[in-house]
């Protein structure tokens, strides 16, 4: 995998040698993470697919911004669209985890014809008017308001060696500290506020492409009930439940998930 920075918007990305005969997979990580999370998947799929792994703005080695307005969900989507255009990627399968799944849906909403399929891992799909959504939106808004007053570093972060943190759980303080320290506390809450401000699963019933949702039954960050609901709203979607997995399933269940992904992409 080769590493690049897209000069137009400062987005860091990794890709292998693209071949016209191969399908392309685009990987989008979760909140406060970075593309390092996909390293085992890169090794597993790089021989059979074109791979693009992205650090979202404010995350990993991508450009950071000190103002909250630069973390609107639409801007994350625009960054990826511009990068895809730059790389001349016209058709792809999108693979996303948690926060990244909301961005994936935004990409699909803007141009569904470009996306051949979607793999959602523990997606952050929640009804916009649920009490939980309203509470978290209010809390994140309040915290983000106070954090705006503090100096915020625009220095890019770094890649994380997640292999030394595995196994890891939803509330693993060590991993959470490493991730948030790398991203920045203010940026974390700016993104969290943006997520809950834009959260809306009303569009899911308009998805008309192959979709698989993989969710852990023990997820304590995004309840599996939301993926069950989403799988019923998306025509033809397949839901796979990992009974012992939690929200960090992409780290702890690489073998099972990569197998499910391979089967899905061969159908």
C-alpha atoms as a PDB file:
ATOM      1  CA  UNK A   1       0.000   0.000   0.000  1.00  0.00           C
ATOM      2  CA  UNK A   2       1.271   3.455  -0.924  1.00  0.00           C
ATOM      3  CA  UNK A   3       0.604   6.593   1.110  1.00  0.00           C
ATOM      4  CA  UNK A   4      -0.476   9.972  -0.246  1.00  0.00           C
ATOM      5  CA  UNK A   5      -1.820  13.362   0.786  1.00  0.00           C
ATOM      6  CA  UNK A   6      -4.464  14.867  -1.511  1.00  0.00           C
ATOM      7  CA  UNK A   7      -3.264  18.514  -1.797  1.00  0.00           C
ATOM      8  CA  UNK A   8      -6.705  19.969  -2.487  1.00  0.00           C
ATOM      9  CA  UNK A   9      -8.108  19.212   0.966  1.00  0.00           C
ATOM     10  CA  UNK A  10      -5.233  17.634   2.909  1.00  0.00           C
ATOM     11  CA  UNK A  11      -6.778  14.172   3.031  1.00  0.00           C
ATOM     12  CA  UNK A  12      -4.384  11.311   3.759  1.00  0.00           C
ATOM     13  CA  UNK A  13      -5.057   8.064   1.918  1.00  0.00           C
ATOM     14  CA  UNK A  14      -3.544   4.697   1.106  1.00  0.00           C
ATOM     15  CA  UNK A  15      -3.987   2.578  -1.990  1.00  0.00           C
ATOM     16  CA  UNK A  16      -2.467  -0.399  -3.742  1.00  0.00           C
ATOM     17  CA  UNK A  17      -1.711  -0.798  -7.443  1.00  0.00           C
ATOM     18  CA  UNK A  18      -5.035  -0.324  -9.164  1.00  0.00           C
ATOM     19  CA  UNK A  19      -5.956  -2.693 -11.982  1.00  0.00           C
ATOM     20  CA  UNK A  20      -8.848  -2.051 -14.343  1.00  0.00           C
ATOM     21  CA  UNK A  21     -10.081  -5.665 -14.103  1.00  0.00           C
ATOM     22  CA  UNK A  22     -10.518  -5.568 -10.316  1.00  0.00           C
ATOM     23  CA  UNK A  23     -13.338  -4.219  -8.173  1.00  0.00           C
ATOM     24  CA  UNK A  24     -12.545  -1.290  -5.892  1.00  0.00           C
ATOM     25  CA  UNK A  25     -13.167  -1.216  -2.143  1.00  0.00           C
ATOM     26  CA  UNK A  26     -13.313   2.128  -0.314  1.00  0.00           C
ATOM     27  CA  UNK A  27     -12.817   1.894   3.474  1.00  0.00           C
ATOM     28  CA  UNK A  28     -14.162   4.572   5.859  1.00  0.00           C
ATOM     29  CA  UNK A  29     -13.224   4.375   9.545  1.00  0.00           C
ATOM     30  CA  UNK A  30     -15.154   5.392  12.651  1.00  0.00           C
ATOM     31  CA  UNK A  31     -15.113   8.400  14.965  1.00  0.00           C
ATOM     32  CA  UNK A  32     -11.681   9.313  16.418  1.00  0.00           C
ATOM     33  CA  UNK A  33     -10.098   6.381  14.580  1.00  0.00           C
ATOM     34  CA  UNK A  34      -8.112   6.349  11.351  1.00  0.00           C
ATOM     35  CA  UNK A  35      -7.331   4.138   8.378  1.00  0.00           C
ATOM     36  CA  UNK A  36      -4.847   2.098  10.452  1.00  0.00           C
ATOM     37  CA  UNK A  37      -7.870   0.115  11.633  1.00  0.00           C
ATOM     38  CA  UNK A  38      -8.110  -1.472   8.180  1.00  0.00           C
ATOM     39  CA  UNK A  39      -4.537  -2.828   7.971  1.00  0.00           C
ATOM     40  CA  UNK A  40      -5.522  -6.517   8.398  1.00  0.00           C
ATOM     41  CA  UNK A  41      -8.208  -6.037   5.736  1.00  0.00           C
ATOM     42  CA  UNK A  42      -5.646  -4.460   3.407  1.00  0.00           C
ATOM     43  CA  UNK A  43      -3.469  -7.550   3.734  1.00  0.00           C
ATOM     44  CA  UNK A  44      -6.434  -9.863   3.187  1.00  0.00           C
ATOM     45  CA  UNK A  45      -7.913  -8.165   0.113  1.00  0.00           C
ATOM     46  CA  UNK A  46      -5.077  -6.311  -1.628  1.00  0.00           C
ATOM     47  CA  UNK A  47      -4.344  -9.196  -3.978  1.00  0.00           C
ATOM     48  CA  UNK A  48      -7.905  -9.417  -5.310  1.00  0.00           C
ATOM     49  CA  UNK A  49      -9.218  -5.846  -5.136  1.00  0.00           C
ATOM     50  CA  UNK A  50      -8.231  -2.241  -5.653  1.00  0.00           C
ATOM     51  CA  UNK A  51      -8.165  -0.726  -2.167  1.00  0.00           C
ATOM     52  CA  UNK A  52      -8.584   2.866  -1.016  1.00  0.00           C
ATOM     53  CA  UNK A  53      -8.323   3.611   2.727  1.00  0.00           C
ATOM     54  CA  UNK A  54      -8.959   7.177   3.879  1.00  0.00           C
ATOM     55  CA  UNK A  55      -8.259   9.208   6.992  1.00  0.00           C
ATOM     56  CA  UNK A  56     -11.274  11.477   7.451  1.00  0.00           C
ATOM     57  CA  UNK A  57     -10.628  15.187   7.963  1.00  0.00           C
ATOM     58  CA  UNK A  58      -9.429  15.857  11.495  1.00  0.00           C
ATOM     59  CA  UNK A  59      -8.410  12.212  11.901  1.00  0.00           C
ATOM     60  CA  UNK A  60      -5.133  10.369  11.549  1.00  0.00           C
ATOM     61  CA  UNK A  61      -2.722  12.101   9.196  1.00  0.00           C
ATOM     62  CA  UNK A  62      -5.371  14.188   7.417  1.00  0.00           C
ATOM     63  CA  UNK A  63      -5.687  17.930   7.838  1.00  0.00           C
ATOM     64  CA  UNK A  64      -7.150  19.251  11.065  1.00  0.00           C
ATOM     65  CA  UNK A  65      -9.282  22.372  11.414  1.00  0.00           C
ATOM     66  CA  UNK A  66      -9.677  24.433  14.566  1.00  0.00           C
ATOM     67  CA  UNK A  67     -13.272  25.523  13.894  1.00  0.00           C
ATOM     68  CA  UNK A  68     -16.334  23.337  14.486  1.00  0.00           C
ATOM     69  CA  UNK A  69     -17.985  24.420  11.228  1.00  0.00           C
ATOM     70  CA  UNK A  70     -15.414  22.404   9.265  1.00  0.00           C
ATOM     71  CA  UNK A  71     -16.710  19.117  10.668  1.00  0.00           C
ATOM     72  CA  UNK A  72     -20.177  19.077   9.135  1.00  0.00           C
ATOM     73  CA  UNK A  73     -21.041  15.637   7.718  1.00  0.00           C
ATOM     74  CA  UNK A  74     -21.459  17.157   4.257  1.00  0.00           C
ATOM     75  CA  UNK A  75     -17.796  18.200   4.264  1.00  0.00           C
ATOM     76  CA  UNK A  76     -16.616  14.671   5.050  1.00  0.00           C
ATOM     77  CA  UNK A  77     -18.693  13.484   2.104  1.00  0.00           C
ATOM     78  CA  UNK A  78     -17.326  16.198  -0.187  1.00  0.00           C
ATOM     79  CA  UNK A  79     -13.735  15.282   0.732  1.00  0.00           C
ATOM     80  CA  UNK A  80     -14.274  11.686  -0.338  1.00  0.00           C
ATOM     81  CA  UNK A  81     -16.127  12.647  -3.503  1.00  0.00           C
ATOM     82  CA  UNK A  82     -13.301  14.961  -4.550  1.00  0.00           C
ATOM     83  CA  UNK A  83     -10.707  12.278  -3.849  1.00  0.00           C
ATOM     84  CA  UNK A  84     -12.667   9.668  -5.815  1.00  0.00           C
ATOM     85  CA  UNK A  85     -12.908  12.075  -8.758  1.00  0.00           C
ATOM     86  CA  UNK A  86      -9.185  12.793  -8.498  1.00  0.00           C
ATOM     87  CA  UNK A  87      -8.413   9.060  -8.584  1.00  0.00           C
ATOM     88  CA  UNK A  88     -10.979   8.505 -11.358  1.00  0.00           C
ATOM     89  CA  UNK A  89     -12.853   5.890  -9.337  1.00  0.00           C
ATOM     90  CA  UNK A  90     -16.273   5.557 -10.936  1.00  0.00           C
ATOM     91  CA  UNK A  91     -17.570   2.330  -9.359  1.00  0.00           C
ATOM     92  CA  UNK A  92     -16.815   0.926  -5.926  1.00  0.00           C
ATOM     93  CA  UNK A  93     -18.010  -1.017  -2.899  1.00  0.00           C
ATOM     94  CA  UNK A  94     -17.968   1.026   0.289  1.00  0.00           C
ATOM     95  CA  UNK A  95     -16.918  -0.558   3.603  1.00  0.00           C
ATOM     96  CA  UNK A  96     -17.540   1.507   6.720  1.00  0.00           C
ATOM     97  CA  UNK A  97     -17.597   1.298  10.495  1.00  0.00           C
ATOM     98  CA  UNK A  98     -19.875   3.202  12.901  1.00  0.00           C
ATOM     99  CA  UNK A  99     -19.553   6.973  12.226  1.00  0.00           C
ATOM    100  CA  UNK A 100     -18.170   6.124   8.786  1.00  0.00           C
ATOM    101  CA  UNK A 101     -21.415   4.417   7.868  1.00  0.00           C
ATOM    102  CA  UNK A 102     -23.315   7.694   8.140  1.00  0.00           C
ATOM    103  CA  UNK A 103     -20.821   9.200   5.691  1.00  0.00           C
ATOM    104  CA  UNK A 104     -21.246   6.153   3.435  1.00  0.00           C
ATOM    105  CA  UNK A 105     -24.998   6.688   3.332  1.00  0.00           C
ATOM    106  CA  UNK A 106     -24.353  10.325   2.404  1.00  0.00           C
ATOM    107  CA  UNK A 107     -22.207   9.181  -0.523  1.00  0.00           C
ATOM    108  CA  UNK A 108     -24.913   6.768  -1.644  1.00  0.00           C
ATOM    109  CA  UNK A 109     -27.561   9.458  -1.314  1.00  0.00           C
ATOM    110  CA  UNK A 110     -25.627  11.821  -3.603  1.00  0.00           C
ATOM    111  CA  UNK A 111     -24.812   9.275  -6.330  1.00  0.00           C
ATOM    112  CA  UNK A 112     -26.141   5.785  -5.780  1.00  0.00           C
ATOM    113  CA  UNK A 113     -25.200   4.663  -9.299  1.00  0.00           C
ATOM    114  CA  UNK A 114     -21.477   4.807  -8.468  1.00  0.00           C
ATOM    115  CA  UNK A 115     -21.715   2.367  -5.582  1.00  0.00           C
ATOM    116  CA  UNK A 116     -21.979  -1.339  -6.349  1.00  0.00           C
ATOM    117  CA  UNK A 117     -22.550  -2.409  -2.779  1.00  0.00           C
ATOM    118  CA  UNK A 118     -22.252  -1.355   0.864  1.00  0.00           C
ATOM    119  CA  UNK A 119     -20.840  -3.180   3.867  1.00  0.00           C
ATOM    120  CA  UNK A 120     -21.856  -1.561   7.157  1.00  0.00           C
ATOM    121  CA  UNK A 121     -20.016  -2.639  10.313  1.00  0.00           C
ATOM    122  CA  UNK A 122     -21.803  -1.653  13.546  1.00  0.00           C
ATOM    123  CA  UNK A 123     -23.356   1.329  11.721  1.00  0.00           C
ATOM    124  CA  UNK A 124     -24.456   4.415  13.665  1.00  0.00           C
ATOM    125  CA  UNK A 125     -28.001   4.313  12.325  1.00  0.00           C
ATOM    126  CA  UNK A 126     -30.419   5.830  14.826  1.00  0.00           C
ATOM    127  CA  UNK A 127     -33.771   7.566  14.430  1.00  0.00           C
ATOM    128  CA  UNK A 128     -33.250  11.315  14.558  1.00  0.00           C
ATOM    129  CA  UNK A 129     -36.127  11.912  16.958  1.00  0.00           C
ATOM    130  CA  UNK A 130     -35.424   9.179  19.500  1.00  0.00           C
ATOM    131  CA  UNK A 131     -34.925  10.349  23.085  1.00  0.00           C
ATOM    132  CA  UNK A 132     -31.377   8.931  23.174  1.00  0.00           C
ATOM    133  CA  UNK A 133     -30.429  10.828  20.011  1.00  0.00           C
ATOM    134  CA  UNK A 134     -31.849  14.073  21.383  1.00  0.00           C
ATOM    135  CA  UNK A 135     -30.020  13.667  24.701  1.00  0.00           C
ATOM    136  CA  UNK A 136     -26.628  12.913  23.151  1.00  0.00           C
ATOM    137  CA  UNK A 137     -27.089  15.719  20.640  1.00  0.00           C
ATOM    138  CA  UNK A 138     -27.762  18.167  23.469  1.00  0.00           C
ATOM    139  CA  UNK A 139     -24.797  16.969  25.553  1.00  0.00           C
ATOM    140  CA  UNK A 140     -22.359  16.987  22.620  1.00  0.00           C
ATOM    141  CA  UNK A 141     -23.561  20.445  21.609  1.00  0.00           C
ATOM    142  CA  UNK A 142     -22.930  21.803  25.120  1.00  0.00           C
ATOM    143  CA  UNK A 143     -19.454  20.292  25.382  1.00  0.00           C
ATOM    144  CA  UNK A 144     -18.538  21.407  21.853  1.00  0.00           C
ATOM    145  CA  UNK A 145     -19.651  24.956  22.729  1.00  0.00           C
ATOM    146  CA  UNK A 146     -17.177  25.195  25.618  1.00  0.00           C
ATOM    147  CA  UNK A 147     -14.373  23.505  23.680  1.00  0.00           C
ATOM    148  CA  UNK A 148     -14.601  26.174  20.971  1.00  0.00           C
ATOM    149  CA  UNK A 149     -13.034  28.591  23.426  1.00  0.00           C
ATOM    150  CA  UNK A 150      -9.881  26.511  23.860  1.00  0.00           C
ATOM    151  CA  UNK A 151      -6.823  26.559  21.555  1.00  0.00           C
ATOM    152  CA  UNK A 152      -7.011  23.646  19.106  1.00  0.00           C
ATOM    153  CA  UNK A 153      -3.948  22.228  17.406  1.00  0.00           C
ATOM    154  CA  UNK A 154      -4.148  21.843  13.636  1.00  0.00           C
ATOM    155  CA  UNK A 155      -1.124  19.541  13.595  1.00  0.00           C
ATOM    156  CA  UNK A 156      -2.020  16.223  11.893  1.00  0.00           C
ATOM    157  CA  UNK A 157      -2.046  13.080  13.990  1.00  0.00           C
ATOM    158  CA  UNK A 158      -0.409   9.786  13.166  1.00  0.00           C
ATOM    159  CA  UNK A 159      -1.139   6.181  12.301  1.00  0.00           C
ATOM    160  CA  UNK A 160      -1.935   3.856  15.200  1.00  0.00           C
ATOM    161  CA  UNK A 161      -0.689   0.311  15.624  1.00  0.00           C
ATOM    162  CA  UNK A 162      -3.982  -1.230  16.707  1.00  0.00           C
ATOM    163  CA  UNK A 163      -2.508  -4.728  16.690  1.00  0.00           C
ATOM    164  CA  UNK A 164      -0.936  -4.030  20.090  1.00  0.00           C
ATOM    165  CA  UNK A 165      -4.331  -3.038  21.517  1.00  0.00           C
ATOM    166  CA  UNK A 166      -6.200  -6.190  20.494  1.00  0.00           C
ATOM    167  CA  UNK A 167      -8.341  -7.532  22.045  1.00  0.00           C
ATOM    168  CA  UNK A 168     -10.111  -4.281  22.815  1.00  0.00           C
ATOM    169  CA  UNK A 169     -13.620  -3.560  24.058  1.00  0.00           C
ATOM    170  CA  UNK A 170     -16.116  -0.733  23.742  1.00  0.00           C
ATOM    171  CA  UNK A 171     -14.952   1.088  26.862  1.00  0.00           C
ATOM    172  CA  UNK A 172     -11.262   0.191  26.724  1.00  0.00           C
ATOM    173  CA  UNK A 173      -9.768   3.308  28.350  1.00  0.00           C
ATOM    174  CA  UNK A 174      -6.330   2.742  26.841  1.00  0.00           C
ATOM    175  CA  UNK A 175      -7.609   2.605  23.250  1.00  0.00           C
ATOM    176  CA  UNK A 176     -10.039   5.486  23.771  1.00  0.00           C
ATOM    177  CA  UNK A 177      -7.254   7.663  25.217  1.00  0.00           C
ATOM    178  CA  UNK A 178      -4.889   6.867  22.314  1.00  0.00           C
ATOM    179  CA  UNK A 179      -7.578   7.592  19.717  1.00  0.00           C
ATOM    180  CA  UNK A 180      -8.894  10.811  21.239  1.00  0.00           C
ATOM    181  CA  UNK A 181      -5.383  12.066  21.986  1.00  0.00           C
ATOM    182  CA  UNK A 182      -4.499  11.475  18.327  1.00  0.00           C
ATOM    183  CA  UNK A 183      -7.620  13.223  17.043  1.00  0.00           C
ATOM    184  CA  UNK A 184      -8.022  15.852  19.747  1.00  0.00           C
ATOM    185  CA  UNK A 185     -10.782  16.158  22.334  1.00  0.00           C
ATOM    186  CA  UNK A 186     -12.391  19.189  20.672  1.00  0.00           C
ATOM    187  CA  UNK A 187     -12.420  17.580  17.224  1.00  0.00           C
ATOM    188  CA  UNK A 188     -13.910  14.424  18.724  1.00  0.00           C
ATOM    189  CA  UNK A 189     -16.852  16.361  20.171  1.00  0.00           C
ATOM    190  CA  UNK A 190     -17.218  18.539  17.066  1.00  0.00           C
ATOM    191  CA  UNK A 191     -17.621  15.346  15.020  1.00  0.00           C
ATOM    192  CA  UNK A 192     -19.913  13.724  17.587  1.00  0.00           C
ATOM    193  CA  UNK A 193     -22.133  16.796  17.564  1.00  0.00           C
ATOM    194  CA  UNK A 194     -22.152  16.780  13.744  1.00  0.00           C
ATOM    195  CA  UNK A 195     -23.104  13.103  13.750  1.00  0.00           C
ATOM    196  CA  UNK A 196     -26.088  13.499  16.067  1.00  0.00           C
ATOM    197  CA  UNK A 197     -27.158  16.749  14.444  1.00  0.00           C
ATOM    198  CA  UNK A 198     -27.400  15.073  11.042  1.00  0.00           C
ATOM    199  CA  UNK A 199     -28.549  11.644  12.200  1.00  0.00           C
ATOM    200  CA  UNK A 200     -31.465  10.506  10.094  1.00  0.00           C
ATOM    201  CA  UNK A 201     -32.320   6.984   8.951  1.00  0.00           C
ATOM    202  CA  UNK A 202     -35.292   8.067   6.807  1.00  0.00           C
ATOM    203  CA  UNK A 203     -33.231   7.633   3.624  1.00  0.00           C
ATOM    204  CA  UNK A 204     -32.471   3.957   4.235  1.00  0.00           C
ATOM    205  CA  UNK A 205     -35.618   2.728   2.509  1.00  0.00           C
ATOM    206  CA  UNK A 206     -34.392   4.461  -0.660  1.00  0.00           C
ATOM    207  CA  UNK A 207     -31.225   2.362  -0.907  1.00  0.00           C
ATOM    208  CA  UNK A 208     -31.370   0.100  -3.941  1.00  0.00           C
ATOM    209  CA  UNK A 209     -28.063  -1.758  -3.967  1.00  0.00           C
ATOM    210  CA  UNK A 210     -26.610  -4.880  -2.359  1.00  0.00           C
ATOM    211  CA  UNK A 211     -26.167  -4.223   1.381  1.00  0.00           C
ATOM    212  CA  UNK A 212     -24.879  -6.288   4.271  1.00  0.00           C
ATOM    213  CA  UNK A 213     -24.934  -5.119   7.887  1.00  0.00           C
ATOM    214  CA  UNK A 214     -22.671  -6.803  10.428  1.00  0.00           C
ATOM    215  CA  UNK A 215     -23.349  -6.028  14.071  1.00  0.00           C
ATOM    216  CA  UNK A 216     -22.309  -7.401  17.456  1.00  0.00           C
ATOM    217  CA  UNK A 217     -25.061  -8.434  19.819  1.00  0.00           C
ATOM    218  CA  UNK A 218     -23.042  -7.060  22.765  1.00  0.00           C
ATOM    219  CA  UNK A 219     -22.546  -3.613  21.244  1.00  0.00           C
ATOM    220  CA  UNK A 220     -22.952  -1.042  24.040  1.00  0.00           C
ATOM    221  CA  UNK A 221     -22.341   2.042  21.867  1.00  0.00           C
ATOM    222  CA  UNK A 222     -24.854   1.495  19.076  1.00  0.00           C
ATOM    223  CA  UNK A 223     -27.572  -0.978  19.992  1.00  0.00           C
ATOM    224  CA  UNK A 224     -28.112  -3.857  17.595  1.00  0.00           C
ATOM    225  CA  UNK A 225     -31.802  -2.943  17.492  1.00  0.00           C
ATOM    226  CA  UNK A 226     -30.925  -0.049  15.179  1.00  0.00           C
ATOM    227  CA  UNK A 227     -29.266  -2.404  12.676  1.00  0.00           C
ATOM    228  CA  UNK A 228     -32.270  -4.719  12.869  1.00  0.00           C
ATOM    229  CA  UNK A 229     -34.493  -1.759  12.060  1.00  0.00           C
ATOM    230  CA  UNK A 230     -32.182  -0.619   9.257  1.00  0.00           C
ATOM    231  CA  UNK A 231     -32.073  -4.092   7.706  1.00  0.00           C
ATOM    232  CA  UNK A 232     -35.866  -4.041   7.483  1.00  0.00           C
ATOM    233  CA  UNK A 233     -35.913  -0.582   5.887  1.00  0.00           C
ATOM    234  CA  UNK A 234     -33.305  -1.405   3.215  1.00  0.00           C
ATOM    235  CA  UNK A 235     -34.793  -3.618   0.527  1.00  0.00           C
ATOM    236  CA  UNK A 236     -32.924  -6.917   0.320  1.00  0.00           C
ATOM    237  CA  UNK A 237     -30.387  -6.049   3.021  1.00  0.00           C
ATOM    238  CA  UNK A 238     -28.745  -8.931   4.843  1.00  0.00           C
ATOM    239  CA  UNK A 239     -28.079  -8.668   8.579  1.00  0.00           C
ATOM    240  CA  UNK A 240     -25.338 -10.784  10.159  1.00  0.00           C
ATOM    241  CA  UNK A 241     -25.216 -10.840  13.967  1.00  0.00           C
ATOM    242  CA  UNK A 242     -22.015 -11.824  15.769  1.00  0.00           C
ATOM    243  CA  UNK A 243     -23.304 -13.047  19.154  1.00  0.00           C
ATOM    244  CA  UNK A 244     -20.202 -12.294  21.248  1.00  0.00           C
ATOM    245  CA  UNK A 245     -18.991  -9.135  19.467  1.00  0.00           C
ATOM    246  CA  UNK A 246     -19.363  -5.527  20.612  1.00  0.00           C
ATOM    247  CA  UNK A 247     -18.834  -2.221  18.783  1.00  0.00           C
ATOM    248  CA  UNK A 248     -15.122  -2.921  18.273  1.00  0.00           C
ATOM    249  CA  UNK A 249     -15.858  -5.972  16.144  1.00  0.00           C
ATOM    250  CA  UNK A 250     -13.600  -4.742  13.309  1.00  0.00           C
ATOM    251  CA  UNK A 251     -10.573  -5.380  15.539  1.00  0.00           C
ATOM    252  CA  UNK A 252     -11.569  -8.492  17.449  1.00  0.00           C
ATOM    253  CA  UNK A 253     -13.429 -10.377  14.714  1.00  0.00           C
ATOM    254  CA  UNK A 254     -11.294  -9.769  11.646  1.00  0.00           C
ATOM    255  CA  UNK A 255     -11.381 -13.434  10.585  1.00  0.00           C
ATOM    256  CA  UNK A 256     -15.167 -13.740  10.710  1.00  0.00           C
ATOM    257  CA  UNK A 257     -15.801 -10.327   9.136  1.00  0.00           C
ATOM    258  CA  UNK A 258     -13.312 -10.761   6.292  1.00  0.00           C
ATOM    259  CA  UNK A 259     -14.907 -14.103   5.445  1.00  0.00           C
ATOM    260  CA  UNK A 260     -18.395 -12.578   5.418  1.00  0.00           C
ATOM    261  CA  UNK A 261     -17.122  -9.697   3.264  1.00  0.00           C
ATOM    262  CA  UNK A 262     -15.501 -12.052   0.754  1.00  0.00           C
ATOM    263  CA  UNK A 263     -18.702 -14.081   0.426  1.00  0.00           C
ATOM    264  CA  UNK A 264     -20.787 -10.936  -0.001  1.00  0.00           C
ATOM    265  CA  UNK A 265     -18.517  -9.522  -2.703  1.00  0.00           C
ATOM    266  CA  UNK A 266     -18.538 -12.776  -4.663  1.00  0.00           C
ATOM    267  CA  UNK A 267     -22.337 -12.953  -4.883  1.00  0.00           C
END
